[in-house]
C-alpha atoms as a PDB file:
ATOM      1  CA  MET A   1     195.484 -34.833 170.885  1.00  0.00           C
ATOM      2  CA  ARG A   2     193.478 -32.068 169.216  1.00  0.00           C
ATOM      3  CA  LEU A   3     193.490 -30.051 172.447  1.00  0.00           C
ATOM      4  CA  LEU A   4     197.277 -30.449 172.700  1.00  0.00           C
ATOM      5  CA  THR A   5     197.709 -29.241 169.093  1.00  0.00           C
ATOM      6  CA  ARG A   6     195.519 -26.181 169.788  1.00  0.00           C
ATOM      7  CA  LEU A   7     197.382 -25.430 173.002  1.00  0.00           C
ATOM      8  CA  CYS A   8     200.779 -25.716 171.324  1.00  0.00           C
ATOM      9  CA  GLY A   9     199.600 -23.640 168.373  1.00  0.00           C
ATOM     10  CA  GLY A  10     198.356 -20.988 170.787  1.00  0.00           C
ATOM     11  CA  LEU A  11     201.647 -20.974 172.677  1.00  0.00           C
ATOM     12  CA  LEU A  12     203.563 -20.696 169.424  1.00  0.00           C
ATOM     13  CA  ALA A  13     201.419 -17.756 168.319  1.00  0.00           C
ATOM     14  CA  LEU A  14     201.925 -16.104 171.729  1.00  0.00           C
ATOM     15  CA  ALA A  15     205.702 -16.625 171.493  1.00  0.00           C
ATOM     16  CA  CYS A  16     205.744 -15.110 167.984  1.00  0.00           C
ATOM     17  CA  ALA A  17     203.690 -12.120 169.156  1.00  0.00           C
ATOM     18  CA  LEU A  18     206.055 -11.513 172.084  1.00  0.00           C
ATOM     19  CA  LEU A  19     209.055 -11.748 169.765  1.00  0.00           C
ATOM     20  CA  ALA A  20     207.452  -9.231 167.393  1.00  0.00           C
ATOM     21  CA  LEU A  21     206.952  -6.825 170.320  1.00  0.00           C
ATOM     22  CA  ALA A  22     210.565  -7.262 171.390  1.00  0.00           C
ATOM     23  CA  LEU A  23     211.782  -6.309 167.892  1.00  0.00           C
ATOM     24  CA  PRO A  24     209.562  -3.370 166.909  1.00  0.00           C
ATOM     25  CA  PHE A  25     211.978  -2.052 164.312  1.00  0.00           C
ATOM     26  CA  GLY A  26     212.355  -5.245 162.294  1.00  0.00           C
ATOM     27  CA  ALA A  27     215.540  -7.227 161.967  1.00  0.00           C
ATOM     28  CA  ALA A  28     218.452  -5.652 163.779  1.00  0.00           C
ATOM     29  CA  SER A  29     221.449  -4.642 161.730  1.00  0.00           C
ATOM     30  CA  ALA A  30     224.510  -2.500 162.167  1.00  0.00           C
ATOM     31  CA  GLN A  31     225.814  -0.551 159.228  1.00  0.00           C
ATOM     32  CA  THR A  32     228.991   1.121 158.158  1.00  0.00           C
ATOM     33  CA  GLY A  33     228.583   4.823 157.376  1.00  0.00           C
ATOM     34  CA  TYR A  34     226.026   5.653 160.082  1.00  0.00           C
ATOM     35  CA  ASP A  35     226.166   7.256 163.534  1.00  0.00           C
ATOM     36  CA  ARG A  36     223.568   7.429 166.314  1.00  0.00           C
ATOM     37  CA  PHE A  37     223.561  10.708 168.266  1.00  0.00           C
ATOM     38  CA  GLY A  38     222.462  10.797 171.915  1.00  0.00           C
ATOM     39  CA  GLY A  39     221.767   8.330 174.701  1.00  0.00           C
ATOM     40  CA  ASP A  40     225.463   7.851 175.571  1.00  0.00           C
ATOM     41  CA  TYR A  41     226.172   6.444 179.015  1.00  0.00           C
ATOM     42  CA  ALA A  42     229.698   5.054 178.472  1.00  0.00           C
ATOM     43  CA  HIS A  43     232.535   5.141 175.978  1.00  0.00           C
ATOM     44  CA  PHE A  44     235.939   3.490 175.627  1.00  0.00           C
ATOM     45  CA  GLU A  45     238.865   3.297 173.233  1.00  0.00           C
ATOM     46  CA  VAL A  46     239.035   0.363 170.844  1.00  0.00           C
ATOM     47  CA  ARG A  47     242.735  -0.276 170.362  1.00  0.00           C
ATOM     48  CA  THR A  48     242.189  -2.813 167.576  1.00  0.00           C
ATOM     49  CA  GLY A  49     240.101  -0.312 165.599  1.00  0.00           C
ATOM     50  CA  ASP A  50     237.476  -3.021 164.978  1.00  0.00           C
ATOM     51  CA  PRO A  51     233.754  -2.109 165.255  1.00  0.00           C
ATOM     52  CA  ASP A  52     232.920  -5.740 166.153  1.00  0.00           C
ATOM     53  CA  VAL A  53     234.494  -5.058 169.578  1.00  0.00           C
ATOM     54  CA  CYS A  54     231.916  -2.320 170.165  1.00  0.00           C
ATOM     55  CA  ALA A  55     229.002  -4.533 169.083  1.00  0.00           C
ATOM     56  CA  ALA A  56     230.210  -7.341 171.359  1.00  0.00           C
ATOM     57  CA  ARG A  57     230.549  -5.012 174.376  1.00  0.00           C
ATOM     58  CA  CYS A  58     226.958  -3.838 173.872  1.00  0.00           C
ATOM     59  CA  GLU A  59     225.809  -7.471 173.837  1.00  0.00           C
ATOM     60  CA  ARG A  60     227.440  -8.112 177.223  1.00  0.00           C
ATOM     61  CA  ASP A  61     226.063  -4.959 178.916  1.00  0.00           C
ATOM     62  CA  ALA A  62     222.420  -5.218 180.064  1.00  0.00           C
ATOM     63  CA  ARG A  63     222.004  -1.400 179.947  1.00  0.00           C
ATOM     64  CA  CYS A  64     223.076  -1.160 176.311  1.00  0.00           C
ATOM     65  CA  ARG A  65     220.357  -0.774 173.684  1.00  0.00           C
ATOM     66  CA  ALA A  66     222.483   0.662 170.841  1.00  0.00           C
ATOM     67  CA  TRP A  67     226.086   1.618 170.037  1.00  0.00           C
ATOM     68  CA  SER A  68     228.207   3.783 167.761  1.00  0.00           C
ATOM     69  CA  PHE A  69     231.797   3.118 166.766  1.00  0.00           C
ATOM     70  CA  SER A  70     233.932   6.022 165.547  1.00  0.00           C
ATOM     71  CA  TYR A  71     237.030   5.364 163.424  1.00  0.00           C
ATOM     72  CA  PRO A  72     240.212   7.107 164.651  1.00  0.00           C
ATOM     73  CA  LYS A  73     240.598  10.650 163.348  1.00  0.00           C
ATOM     74  CA  THR A  74     244.384  10.766 163.552  1.00  0.00           C
ATOM     75  CA  ALA A  75     247.212   8.261 163.692  1.00  0.00           C
ATOM     76  CA  ALA A  76     247.773   9.236 167.338  1.00  0.00           C
ATOM     77  CA  GLY A  77     244.065   8.983 168.153  1.00  0.00           C
ATOM     78  CA  ALA A  78     242.094   5.869 168.879  1.00  0.00           C
ATOM     79  CA  ALA A  79     238.842   4.420 167.659  1.00  0.00           C
ATOM     80  CA  THR A  80     236.036   4.962 170.171  1.00  0.00           C
ATOM     81  CA  CYS A  81     232.944   2.965 171.112  1.00  0.00           C
ATOM     82  CA  TRP A  82     229.894   4.786 172.504  1.00  0.00           C
ATOM     83  CA  LEU A  83     227.305   2.675 174.372  1.00  0.00           C
ATOM     84  CA  LYS A  84     223.752   4.008 174.473  1.00  0.00           C
ATOM     85  CA  ASN A  85     220.822   3.374 176.820  1.00  0.00           C
ATOM     86  CA  GLN A  86     218.282   4.203 174.107  1.00  0.00           C
ATOM     87  CA  VAL A  87     217.987   3.621 170.365  1.00  0.00           C
ATOM     88  CA  PRO A  88     218.488   6.988 168.659  1.00  0.00           C
ATOM     89  CA  PRO A  89     217.760   7.178 164.931  1.00  0.00           C
ATOM     90  CA  ARG A  90     220.742   6.580 162.711  1.00  0.00           C
ATOM     91  CA  ALA A  91     222.269   9.439 160.739  1.00  0.00           C
ATOM     92  CA  GLU A  92     224.465   8.995 157.681  1.00  0.00           C
ATOM     93  CA  ASN A  93     228.101   9.748 158.564  1.00  0.00           C
ATOM     94  CA  SER A  94     231.215   8.124 157.086  1.00  0.00           C
ATOM     95  CA  CYS A  95     233.033   8.453 160.436  1.00  0.00           C
ATOM     96  CA  CYS A  96     231.164   5.655 162.053  1.00  0.00           C
ATOM     97  CA  VAL A  97     229.505   2.270 162.299  1.00  0.00           C
ATOM     98  CA  SER A  98     226.429   1.955 164.490  1.00  0.00           C
ATOM     99  CA  GLY A  99     223.791  -0.544 165.421  1.00  0.00           C
ATOM    100  CA  VAL A 100     221.320  -1.797 167.967  1.00  0.00           C
ATOM    101  CA  ARG A 101     221.821  -4.561 170.476  1.00  0.00           C
ATOM    102  CA  GLY A 102     221.656  -7.926 168.772  1.00  0.00           C
ATOM    103  CA  ALA A 103     223.131  -6.654 165.533  1.00  0.00           C
ATOM    104  CA  GLY A 104     226.429  -7.683 164.049  1.00  0.00           C
ATOM    105  CA  VAL A 105     228.333  -5.404 161.726  1.00  0.00           C
ATOM    106  CA  VAL A 106     226.958  -5.461 158.193  1.00  0.00           C
ATOM    107  CA  GLU A 107     229.313  -4.105 155.581  1.00  0.00           C
ATOM    108  CA  PRO A 108     227.745  -2.537 152.493  1.00  0.00           C
ATOM    109  CA  ARG A 109     227.972  -4.468 149.249  1.00  0.00           C
ATOM    110  CA  GLN A 110     228.460  -2.220 146.256  1.00  0.00           C
ATOM    111  CA  GLY A 111     229.708  -3.940 143.161  1.00  0.00           C
ATOM    112  CA  GLU A 112     233.301  -5.042 143.497  1.00  0.00           C
ATOM    113  CA  THR A 113     234.161  -2.774 146.453  1.00  0.00           C
ATOM    114  CA  GLU A 114     235.473  -4.813 149.398  1.00  0.00           C
ATOM    115  CA  TYR A 115     234.644  -3.189 152.747  1.00  0.00           C
ATOM    116  CA  SER A 116     236.829  -4.049 155.780  1.00  0.00           C
ATOM    117  CA  ILE A 117     239.268  -5.821 153.466  1.00  0.00           C
ATOM    118  CA  ASP A 118     243.002  -5.239 153.148  1.00  0.00           C
ATOM    119  CA  ARG A 119     244.896  -6.729 150.217  1.00  0.00           C
ATOM    120  CA  GLN A 120     248.366  -6.833 151.771  1.00  0.00           C
ATOM    121  CA  GLY A 121     251.359  -6.854 149.451  1.00  0.00           C
ATOM    122  CA  GLY A 122     251.750  -6.092 145.775  1.00  0.00           C
ATOM    123  CA  ASP A 123     252.173  -2.347 146.452  1.00  0.00           C
ATOM    124  CA  TYR A 124     254.149  -0.388 143.894  1.00  0.00           C
ATOM    125  CA  ARG A 125     253.348   2.999 145.456  1.00  0.00           C
ATOM    126  CA  PHE A 126     251.033   4.821 147.823  1.00  0.00           C
ATOM    127  CA  VAL A 127     249.333   8.207 147.726  1.00  0.00           C
ATOM    128  CA  ASP A 128     248.394  10.270 150.784  1.00  0.00           C
ATOM    129  CA  LEU A 129     244.899  11.578 150.084  1.00  0.00           C
ATOM    130  CA  PRO A 130     243.353  14.815 151.395  1.00  0.00           C
ATOM    131  CA  ALA A 131     241.530  14.583 154.746  1.00  0.00           C
ATOM    132  CA  ASP A 132     238.202  14.082 152.967  1.00  0.00           C
ATOM    133  CA  GLY A 133     239.625  11.435 150.598  1.00  0.00           C
ATOM    134  CA  THR A 134     237.529   8.325 150.000  1.00  0.00           C
ATOM    135  CA  ALA A 135     237.866   4.810 148.651  1.00  0.00           C
ATOM    136  CA  ASP A 136     236.270   6.085 145.433  1.00  0.00           C
ATOM    137  CA  ASN A 137     239.166   8.548 145.052  1.00  0.00           C
ATOM    138  CA  CYS A 138     241.620   5.684 145.523  1.00  0.00           C
ATOM    139  CA  LYS A 139     239.812   3.528 142.958  1.00  0.00           C
ATOM    140  CA  ALA A 140     239.863   6.417 140.461  1.00  0.00           C
ATOM    141  CA  ILE A 141     243.642   6.767 140.839  1.00  0.00           C
ATOM    142  CA  CYS A 142     244.043   3.035 140.271  1.00  0.00           C
ATOM    143  CA  ASP A 143     241.732   3.116 137.228  1.00  0.00           C
ATOM    144  CA  GLY A 144     243.930   5.868 135.764  1.00  0.00           C
ATOM    145  CA  GLU A 145     247.144   3.838 135.878  1.00  0.00           C
ATOM    146  CA  LYS A 146     247.633   0.911 133.510  1.00  0.00           C
ATOM    147  CA  ARG A 147     249.994  -0.799 135.945  1.00  0.00           C
ATOM    148  CA  CYS A 148     247.414  -0.800 138.761  1.00  0.00           C
ATOM    149  CA  ARG A 149     245.441  -4.042 139.144  1.00  0.00           C
ATOM    150  CA  ALA A 150     244.039  -3.530 142.667  1.00  0.00           C
ATOM    151  CA  PHE A 151     243.961  -0.951 145.451  1.00  0.00           C
ATOM    152  CA  THR A 152     243.583  -0.657 149.204  1.00  0.00           C
ATOM    153  CA  PHE A 153     242.257   2.520 150.797  1.00  0.00           C
ATOM    154  CA  VAL A 154     243.272   2.954 154.461  1.00  0.00           C
ATOM    155  CA  ARG A 155     241.102   5.261 156.543  1.00  0.00           C
ATOM    156  CA  ALA A 156     242.759   8.220 158.301  1.00  0.00           C
ATOM    157  CA  GLY A 157     244.103   7.370 161.723  1.00  0.00           C
ATOM    158  CA  TYR A 158     245.189   3.794 161.071  1.00  0.00           C
ATOM    159  CA  ILE A 159     248.545   4.396 159.373  1.00  0.00           C
ATOM    160  CA  SER A 160     248.783   8.171 159.131  1.00  0.00           C
ATOM    161  CA  ALA A 161     246.766  11.279 159.874  1.00  0.00           C
ATOM    162  CA  ALA A 162     245.571  11.350 156.264  1.00  0.00           C
ATOM    163  CA  PRO A 163     243.773   8.614 154.363  1.00  0.00           C
ATOM    164  CA  ARG A 164     246.182   6.617 152.236  1.00  0.00           C
ATOM    165  CA  CYS A 165     245.743   4.823 148.914  1.00  0.00           C
ATOM    166  CA  TYR A 166     247.929   1.808 148.107  1.00  0.00           C
ATOM    167  CA  LEU A 167     248.218   0.908 144.422  1.00  0.00           C
ATOM    168  CA  LYS A 168     249.036  -2.710 143.593  1.00  0.00           C
ATOM    169  CA  ASP A 169     250.503  -4.332 140.506  1.00  0.00           C
ATOM    170  CA  ARG A 170     249.348  -7.793 141.567  1.00  0.00           C
ATOM    171  CA  ILE A 171     246.217  -9.138 143.177  1.00  0.00           C
ATOM    172  CA  THR A 172     246.801 -10.501 146.668  1.00  0.00           C
ATOM    173  CA  ARG A 173     244.617 -12.464 149.027  1.00  0.00           C
ATOM    174  CA  PRO A 174     241.944 -10.409 150.842  1.00  0.00           C
ATOM    175  CA  ARG A 175     242.216 -10.201 154.642  1.00  0.00           C
ATOM    176  CA  HIS A 176     239.594  -8.843 157.041  1.00  0.00           C
ATOM    177  CA  LYS A 177     240.742  -5.502 158.517  1.00  0.00           C
ATOM    178  CA  PRO A 178     238.327  -2.738 159.554  1.00  0.00           C
ATOM    179  CA  CYS A 179     240.834  -0.040 158.551  1.00  0.00           C
ATOM    180  CA  CYS A 180     240.516  -0.673 154.880  1.00  0.00           C
ATOM    181  CA  ILE A 181     238.456  -0.737 151.717  1.00  0.00           C
ATOM    182  CA  SER A 182     239.874  -2.574 148.720  1.00  0.00           C
ATOM    183  CA  GLY A 183     239.019  -3.504 145.186  1.00  0.00           C
ATOM    184  CA  VAL A 184     240.285  -5.261 142.080  1.00  0.00           C
ATOM    185  CA  VAL A 185     240.088  -3.199 138.887  1.00  0.00           C
ATOM    186  CA  ARG A 186     241.905  -5.412 136.318  1.00  0.00           C
END
């Protein structure tokens, strides 16, 4: 029995060591706001505009080691997935979501900001933002209006060529949509 315990313990240690070698960079994670430059061997349009489609395609392709998803730049354009045969370092860039094989999309958590969330309905007006407009700009507009209780920021390319800010006079149910960033202010 003691020999069996030692053998199993040794096999378990060997399995753990092999797993550690297979994951040299720690736990895999994909993050919004990062791109990975280089190593591209394929790309395709993502009609749904959802970065999870890109992550899933990488999982099914044996050549894929990493991926980058680029949000659409214009309403006529499409989101694009880039599959990579190496793991380039990530670079901060709001255009994209990127990750390594085995990683799902991890949305940032910053206070009450709701990433990849659309709060449909309750709109009393919208504002087209400049091309470099952000969810923070949308939140600031909402904060400045007493009537505004919540907002939804829609990235450029999903509804129009410019980012758009929807101001809401009621709080609606959150729905997962990669186009959007929402928040409740009052």
